[in-house]
Amino acid sequence: MRATVCWTVILLLAAPAAALAAASGAAPRDHIHQQNACSRCHPKDMNVAAVIEAPDKPCQRCHQPPAVREGVVRVSAASERESELSKLLPDKPISASDGMRFAQYTAQSRLGGEANPMAAIPAGRFIRGTDERLPDEGPQHTVDVPAFKIDLYEVTNLQYKAFIDASGRRSPDHFRNRTFPAGKADHPVTFVTWYDAEAYCAWAGKRLPSDVEWEKAARDTDGRSFPWGNTFDVRKANTPVRWLALKQAGDTTPAGAFEAGASPYGVFDMTGNVWEWTSSWYQPYPGNQTPSEAYGERYKTLKGGSWFDCSFYKCGLSAPVYNRAFFARKTKNDTIGFRCAKDG
């Protein structure tokens, strides 16, 4: 099974901070990846995956199920993170505001609680996948896609709150008293399962996009690797490389903050910020000869990559728009969100 299935990690949940000033507020402590949790007690060069999978279950001597289930303690050490991503760092230092047109945390919402505006994607063919990287990303081929519409932005915390207030649905894990952390109204909602995402889109009169629709909206018709072109740029998306360059712990950013990272159709955050659920099952592409036990109607496909580094799992840079992950529909964590689509 491809490694990205297993990057659930230890999370610390803390109460949200008080209301934040627009530009100077500290990060709300709503959910924080503990990337070095194992190395606090164990050698940094320990093969964590091998220990977890050992028949005598040594982790359970100190950690109780379900804490160990699904590799909850499989977290990346700083050395792994830097070895995979440092080659992509910019030549010159960047600031936290580079590339961002909005403050990281704000007291007021810019987008509001109504469902997102949408971009119209015309019917036609586009280049899907790649032959240059992971086996499940190819072979590259063309797909004819009917016209459709897709949200300009990932669904935000405030928008999702409007949904749970109206429907009575359970709130995400990082909400407290059924509301999101202060300063993060316009950040993409996280800790949502595929079922949560599907329910929100239906409530908003929309649906989840297919992985084909999602990739066309991100990529246009010229086979580009990123929404803005073929060269990675740390200033155009909320990716792990950006946080590594800033020497800061990562987090989501406001939807639409990276204006220069928009796709040719004007759709924002198609690279980074949060992985996005699609309606599609994780299936092999036409002509793919590499078998995988994960293929079939078991996992749903996610697109777009996120702010969090998964280099421990050797999954490569998650930023290219042809990248995809797959998860069980009940999975939820602080790197998964969604946007909605609609027939054209």
Protein backbone atom coordinates (compact mmCIF):
# COMPACT_ATOMS: atom_id res chain seq x y z
CA MET A 1 0.00 0.00 0.00
CA ARG A 2 1.29 3.43 -0.85
CA ALA A 3 2.83 5.08 2.13
CA THR A 4 0.61 8.15 2.19
CA VAL A 5 -2.23 6.01 3.55
CA CYS A 6 -0.51 5.93 6.93
CA TRP A 7 0.47 9.46 7.81
CA THR A 8 -1.96 9.85 10.70
CA VAL A 9 0.14 11.32 13.50
CA ILE A 10 0.10 12.23 17.16
CA LEU A 11 -1.85 15.41 17.75
CA LEU A 12 -2.06 17.67 20.77
CA LEU A 13 -5.36 19.45 21.15
CA ALA A 14 -5.48 22.62 23.15
CA ALA A 15 -8.08 25.28 23.82
CA PRO A 16 -8.22 28.08 21.23
CA ALA A 17 -6.41 31.31 21.93
CA ALA A 18 -8.20 34.56 22.63
CA ALA A 19 -9.21 36.74 19.73
CA LEU A 20 -6.21 37.62 17.61
CA ALA A 21 -4.96 40.84 16.13
CA ALA A 22 -4.95 40.69 12.36
CA ALA A 23 -1.24 40.59 11.63
CA SER A 24 0.51 40.09 14.93
CA GLY A 25 -1.49 37.34 16.65
CA ALA A 26 0.19 34.11 17.67
CA ALA A 27 -0.84 30.82 16.06
CA PRO A 28 -3.94 29.32 17.70
CA ARG A 29 -3.05 26.04 19.40
CA ASP A 30 -5.87 24.08 17.85
CA HIS A 31 -3.95 21.09 16.46
CA ILE A 32 -0.22 20.61 16.25
CA HIS A 33 1.72 17.82 14.57
CA GLN A 34 4.34 16.44 16.92
CA GLN A 35 6.94 15.55 14.33
CA ASN A 36 9.60 14.45 16.81
CA ALA A 37 7.40 12.69 19.36
CA CYS A 38 9.15 9.33 19.13
CA SER A 39 12.63 10.82 19.19
CA ARG A 40 11.97 12.45 22.54
CA CYS A 41 12.38 9.04 24.17
CA HIS A 42 13.94 6.89 21.44
CA PRO A 43 17.05 7.19 19.26
CA LYS A 44 16.57 9.42 16.23
CA ASP A 45 17.89 6.68 13.94
CA MET A 46 15.44 4.05 15.23
CA ASN A 47 13.40 2.30 12.53
CA VAL A 48 10.03 3.33 13.95
CA ALA A 49 8.00 1.49 11.33
CA ALA A 50 9.80 -1.80 12.02
CA VAL A 51 9.27 -1.46 15.76
CA ILE A 52 5.56 -0.76 15.37
CA GLU A 53 5.10 -3.78 13.14
CA ALA A 54 7.10 -6.20 15.34
CA PRO A 55 5.12 -9.33 16.31
CA ASP A 56 5.59 -8.80 20.06
CA LYS A 57 4.01 -5.33 19.83
CA PRO A 58 6.67 -3.52 21.89
CA CYS A 59 4.95 -0.14 21.56
CA GLN A 60 2.03 -1.45 23.58
CA ARG A 61 4.27 -1.85 26.61
CA CYS A 62 3.93 1.91 27.08
CA HIS A 63 1.21 2.99 24.63
CA GLN A 64 -2.31 1.64 24.76
CA PRO A 65 -4.46 0.82 21.72
CA PRO A 66 -5.87 2.54 19.76
CA ALA A 67 -2.94 4.96 20.13
CA VAL A 68 -0.68 2.58 18.25
CA ARG A 69 -3.23 1.45 15.68
CA GLU A 70 -2.55 2.54 12.10
CA GLY A 71 0.91 3.78 13.05
CA VAL A 72 -0.15 6.80 15.07
CA VAL A 73 3.39 7.11 16.35
CA ARG A 74 4.96 6.95 12.88
CA VAL A 75 6.12 10.52 12.77
CA SER A 76 8.98 12.08 10.88
CA ALA A 77 12.22 13.18 12.52
CA ALA A 78 13.66 16.55 11.60
CA SER A 79 16.59 14.95 9.79
CA GLU A 80 14.24 13.04 7.47
CA ARG A 81 12.25 16.17 6.78
CA GLU A 82 15.25 18.25 5.85
CA SER A 83 16.87 15.57 3.69
CA GLU A 84 13.79 15.32 1.46
CA LEU A 85 12.87 18.97 1.19
CA SER A 86 16.03 21.05 1.65
CA LYS A 87 16.94 20.77 -2.03
CA LEU A 88 13.81 22.80 -2.83
CA LEU A 89 14.59 25.68 -0.49
CA PRO A 90 14.93 29.13 -2.07
CA ASP A 91 18.40 30.63 -2.50
CA LYS A 92 17.53 33.61 -0.30
CA PRO A 93 15.61 33.72 3.00
CA ILE A 94 11.90 34.44 2.83
CA SER A 95 9.59 36.17 5.28
CA ALA A 96 6.30 34.86 6.60
CA SER A 97 4.42 37.34 4.41
CA ASP A 98 6.20 36.51 1.14
CA GLY A 99 3.61 35.54 -1.46
CA MET A 100 0.68 36.02 0.92
CA ARG A 101 -1.84 38.77 0.29
CA PHE A 102 -3.65 38.21 3.61
CA ALA A 103 -2.47 38.00 7.21
CA GLN A 104 -2.02 34.50 8.58
CA TYR A 105 -4.57 34.95 11.38
CA THR A 106 -7.31 37.58 11.38
CA ALA A 107 -10.07 38.63 13.75
CA GLN A 108 -12.59 39.14 10.93
CA SER A 109 -13.67 36.88 8.07
CA ARG A 110 -13.01 37.95 4.50
CA LEU A 111 -15.07 35.22 2.82
CA GLY A 112 -18.02 34.97 5.19
CA GLY A 113 -20.13 31.92 5.94
CA GLU A 114 -21.95 31.55 2.62
CA ALA A 115 -20.96 28.78 0.22
CA ASN A 116 -17.96 29.58 -1.96
CA PRO A 117 -18.19 31.29 -5.36
CA MET A 118 -17.28 29.01 -8.23
CA ALA A 119 -15.16 28.98 -11.39
CA ALA A 120 -16.62 27.66 -14.64
CA ILE A 121 -14.36 25.03 -16.24
CA PRO A 122 -15.07 24.54 -19.96
CA ALA A 123 -15.58 21.15 -21.57
CA GLY A 124 -12.61 19.64 -23.35
CA ARG A 125 -9.56 17.43 -23.13
CA PHE A 126 -6.62 17.80 -20.78
CA ILE A 127 -3.44 15.91 -19.89
CA ARG A 128 -3.83 13.78 -16.75
CA GLY A 129 -1.11 12.13 -14.68
CA THR A 130 2.62 11.83 -15.35
CA ASP A 131 5.21 9.28 -16.46
CA GLU A 132 7.97 10.90 -14.40
CA ARG A 133 7.31 9.87 -10.81
CA LEU A 134 5.26 7.43 -8.73
CA PRO A 135 3.63 4.37 -10.34
CA ASP A 136 0.07 5.34 -9.47
CA GLU A 137 0.45 8.75 -11.16
CA GLY A 138 0.69 7.25 -14.64
CA PRO A 139 0.68 6.50 -17.39
CA GLN A 140 0.05 10.03 -18.58
CA HIS A 141 -3.04 10.18 -20.78
CA THR A 142 -5.69 12.58 -22.05
CA VAL A 143 -9.23 12.77 -20.73
CA ASP A 144 -12.27 14.48 -22.23
CA VAL A 145 -14.15 16.27 -19.43
CA PRO A 146 -17.66 17.80 -19.66
CA ALA A 147 -18.09 21.39 -18.47
CA PHE A 148 -18.39 21.79 -14.70
CA LYS A 149 -17.97 24.33 -11.92
CA ILE A 150 -15.64 24.15 -8.93
CA ASP A 151 -15.22 26.25 -5.78
CA LEU A 152 -12.65 29.01 -6.02
CA TYR A 153 -11.60 28.23 -2.45
CA GLU A 154 -11.37 25.32 -0.08
CA VAL A 155 -14.36 25.19 2.30
CA THR A 156 -13.47 27.27 5.35
CA ASN A 157 -13.99 26.87 9.07
CA LEU A 158 -16.67 29.57 9.11
CA GLN A 159 -18.49 28.08 6.13
CA TYR A 160 -18.45 24.66 7.74
CA LYS A 161 -19.72 26.12 11.02
CA ALA A 162 -22.74 27.50 9.16
CA PHE A 163 -23.41 23.95 7.97
CA ILE A 164 -23.14 22.27 11.38
CA ASP A 165 -25.23 25.01 12.96
CA ALA A 166 -27.97 24.42 10.40
CA SER A 167 -27.77 20.64 10.31
CA GLY A 168 -26.79 19.71 13.85
CA ARG A 169 -23.90 17.64 12.52
CA ARG A 170 -21.01 16.93 14.85
CA SER A 171 -18.27 19.56 14.82
CA PRO A 172 -14.68 18.85 13.74
CA ASP A 173 -12.17 17.78 16.40
CA HIS A 174 -10.36 21.12 16.48
CA PHE A 175 -13.55 23.11 17.17
CA ARG A 176 -14.35 24.02 20.77
CA ASN A 177 -17.96 24.65 21.84
CA ARG A 178 -18.87 24.07 18.18
CA THR A 179 -16.71 26.89 16.89
CA PHE A 180 -13.33 27.15 15.20
CA PRO A 181 -10.11 28.51 16.72
CA ALA A 182 -9.91 32.29 16.98
CA GLY A 183 -8.27 33.90 13.98
CA LYS A 184 -8.97 30.99 11.60
CA ALA A 185 -12.42 31.74 10.17
CA ASP A 186 -11.07 31.73 6.61
CA HIS A 187 -8.66 28.81 7.01
CA PRO A 188 -9.79 25.58 5.36
CA VAL A 189 -11.78 23.31 7.64
CA THR A 190 -9.92 20.15 8.64
CA PHE A 191 -10.70 17.01 10.64
CA VAL A 192 -13.49 16.22 8.18
CA THR A 193 -14.18 12.73 6.87
CA TRP A 194 -15.21 12.02 3.30
CA TYR A 195 -18.77 11.66 4.59
CA ASP A 196 -18.59 15.09 6.22
CA ALA A 197 -17.34 16.65 2.99
CA GLU A 198 -20.03 14.94 0.93
CA ALA A 199 -22.73 16.08 3.36
CA TYR A 200 -21.58 19.71 3.32
CA CYS A 201 -21.49 19.85 -0.47
CA ALA A 202 -25.00 18.37 -0.69
CA TRP A 203 -26.26 20.89 1.88
CA ALA A 204 -24.75 23.69 -0.22
CA GLY A 205 -26.46 22.39 -3.38
CA LYS A 206 -23.21 21.06 -4.79
CA ARG A 207 -21.18 17.82 -4.81
CA LEU A 208 -17.58 16.69 -4.42
CA PRO A 209 -15.48 16.96 -7.60
CA SER A 210 -14.12 13.85 -9.25
CA ASP A 211 -10.36 13.52 -9.25
CA VAL A 212 -10.44 14.14 -13.03
CA GLU A 213 -12.38 17.39 -12.61
CA TRP A 214 -10.12 18.48 -9.79
CA GLU A 215 -6.95 17.91 -11.81
CA LYS A 216 -8.26 19.73 -14.87
CA ALA A 217 -9.26 22.74 -12.75
CA ALA A 218 -5.76 22.80 -11.28
CA ARG A 219 -3.79 22.03 -14.42
CA ASP A 220 -5.58 23.40 -17.50
CA THR A 221 -4.75 21.66 -20.78
CA ASP A 222 -0.97 22.01 -21.14
CA GLY A 223 0.15 19.30 -18.71
CA ARG A 224 1.76 21.68 -16.22
CA SER A 225 3.02 20.30 -12.92
CA PHE A 226 1.79 23.14 -10.70
CA PRO A 227 -1.17 25.49 -11.06
CA TRP A 228 1.20 28.32 -12.03
CA GLY A 229 3.55 26.38 -14.35
CA ASN A 230 6.29 23.78 -14.23
CA THR A 231 8.74 25.24 -11.71
CA PHE A 232 8.14 24.84 -7.99
CA ASP A 233 7.99 28.16 -6.12
CA VAL A 234 7.93 28.29 -2.34
CA ARG A 235 6.19 31.69 -2.47
CA LYS A 236 3.14 30.47 -4.39
CA ALA A 237 1.64 27.86 -2.09
CA ASN A 238 1.40 26.71 1.51
CA THR A 239 3.73 23.71 1.36
CA PRO A 240 6.13 22.00 3.80
CA VAL A 241 9.03 23.62 1.94
CA ARG A 242 7.71 27.04 2.87
CA TRP A 243 7.59 26.18 6.56
CA LEU A 244 11.04 24.65 6.40
CA ALA A 245 12.36 27.84 4.82
CA LEU A 246 10.70 29.90 7.55
CA LYS A 247 11.99 27.55 10.27
CA GLN A 248 8.50 27.47 11.75
CA ALA A 249 5.97 24.81 12.66
CA GLY A 250 3.47 24.50 9.87
CA ASP A 251 -0.20 25.37 9.76
CA THR A 252 -3.01 26.05 7.33
CA THR A 253 -3.23 29.49 5.73
CA PRO A 254 -6.28 31.56 4.77
CA ALA A 255 -8.05 30.30 1.67
CA GLY A 256 -6.89 32.22 -1.38
CA ALA A 257 -3.91 33.83 0.34
CA PHE A 258 -1.43 32.89 -2.43
CA GLU A 259 -2.71 34.92 -5.37
CA ALA A 260 0.19 34.03 -7.69
CA GLY A 261 -0.46 30.34 -7.06
CA ALA A 262 -3.92 30.30 -8.62
CA SER A 263 -4.66 27.94 -11.48
CA PRO A 264 -5.29 29.23 -15.03
CA TYR A 265 -9.01 29.15 -14.18
CA GLY A 266 -8.50 31.32 -11.08
CA VAL A 267 -8.91 28.48 -8.58
CA PHE A 268 -6.83 28.90 -5.41
CA ASP A 269 -4.82 26.52 -3.21
CA MET A 270 -4.78 23.62 -5.63
CA THR A 271 -1.24 23.03 -4.42
CA GLY A 272 -0.73 22.78 -0.67
CA ASN A 273 -2.74 24.02 2.30
CA VAL A 274 -4.87 20.88 2.72
CA TRP A 275 -5.42 17.63 0.88
CA GLU A 276 -8.86 17.63 -0.70
CA TRP A 277 -11.38 14.81 -0.79
CA THR A 278 -12.78 13.86 -4.21
CA SER A 279 -15.72 11.66 -5.16
CA SER A 280 -13.43 9.16 -6.93
CA TRP A 281 -12.36 5.74 -5.79
CA TYR A 282 -8.63 5.10 -5.82
CA GLN A 283 -8.26 3.20 -9.10
CA PRO A 284 -5.39 2.55 -11.54
CA TYR A 285 -5.20 4.79 -14.58
CA PRO A 286 -5.90 3.27 -18.01
CA GLY A 287 -2.89 1.22 -19.08
CA ASN A 288 -1.31 1.12 -15.61
CA GLN A 289 0.48 -2.23 -15.22
CA THR A 290 1.68 -1.79 -11.62
CA PRO A 291 -0.57 -3.76 -9.27
CA SER A 292 -1.65 -2.39 -5.90
CA GLU A 293 -3.81 -3.97 -3.23
CA ALA A 294 -5.17 -0.48 -2.49
CA TYR A 295 -6.92 -0.16 -5.86
CA GLY A 296 -10.66 -0.71 -5.94
CA GLU A 297 -13.69 0.63 -4.10
CA ARG A 298 -12.02 0.78 -0.71
CA TYR A 299 -10.28 4.17 -0.55
CA LYS A 300 -11.20 7.59 -1.87
CA THR A 301 -8.70 9.71 -3.79
CA LEU A 302 -7.45 13.02 -2.39
CA LYS A 303 -5.65 15.70 -4.39
CA GLY A 304 -3.50 18.75 -3.84
CA GLY A 305 -1.01 18.01 -1.08
CA SER A 306 -0.95 19.95 2.18
CA TRP A 307 1.10 22.14 4.50
CA PHE A 308 2.49 19.08 6.29
CA ASP A 309 5.65 17.18 5.39
CA CYS A 310 5.29 13.48 4.65
CA SER A 311 8.90 12.82 3.64
CA PHE A 312 9.21 10.13 6.33
CA TYR A 313 7.04 7.97 4.08
CA LYS A 314 9.15 8.69 0.97
CA CYS A 315 6.05 9.99 -0.79
CA GLY A 316 7.93 12.75 -2.54
CA LEU A 317 6.87 16.35 -2.97
CA SER A 318 3.09 16.45 -2.62
CA ALA A 319 2.74 19.78 -4.42
CA PRO A 320 2.45 18.63 -8.09
CA VAL A 321 -1.16 18.57 -9.26
CA TYR A 322 -0.80 15.05 -10.65
CA ASN A 323 -0.03 13.75 -7.16
CA ARG A 324 -2.74 11.82 -5.34
CA ALA A 325 -3.27 10.21 -1.97
CA PHE A 326 -5.87 7.68 -0.84
CA PHE A 327 -7.68 7.22 2.45
CA ALA A 328 -10.57 5.35 3.98
CA ARG A 329 -13.67 7.52 4.02
CA LYS A 330 -13.72 7.78 7.82
CA THR A 331 -10.20 9.22 7.98
CA LYS A 332 -9.81 12.73 9.37
CA ASN A 333 -6.82 14.77 10.46
CA ASP A 334 -5.40 18.28 10.37
CA THR A 335 -4.19 18.03 6.78
CA ILE A 336 -7.45 16.99 5.07
CA GLY A 337 -10.17 19.33 3.82
CA PHE A 338 -12.21 19.72 0.64
CA ARG A 339 -13.92 21.96 -1.90
CA CYS A 340 -17.15 21.42 -3.83
CA ALA A 341 -18.12 21.19 -7.48
CA LYS A 342 -21.25 21.32 -9.61
CA ASP A 343 -22.37 20.14 -13.02
CA GLY A 344 -21.65 22.70 -15.74
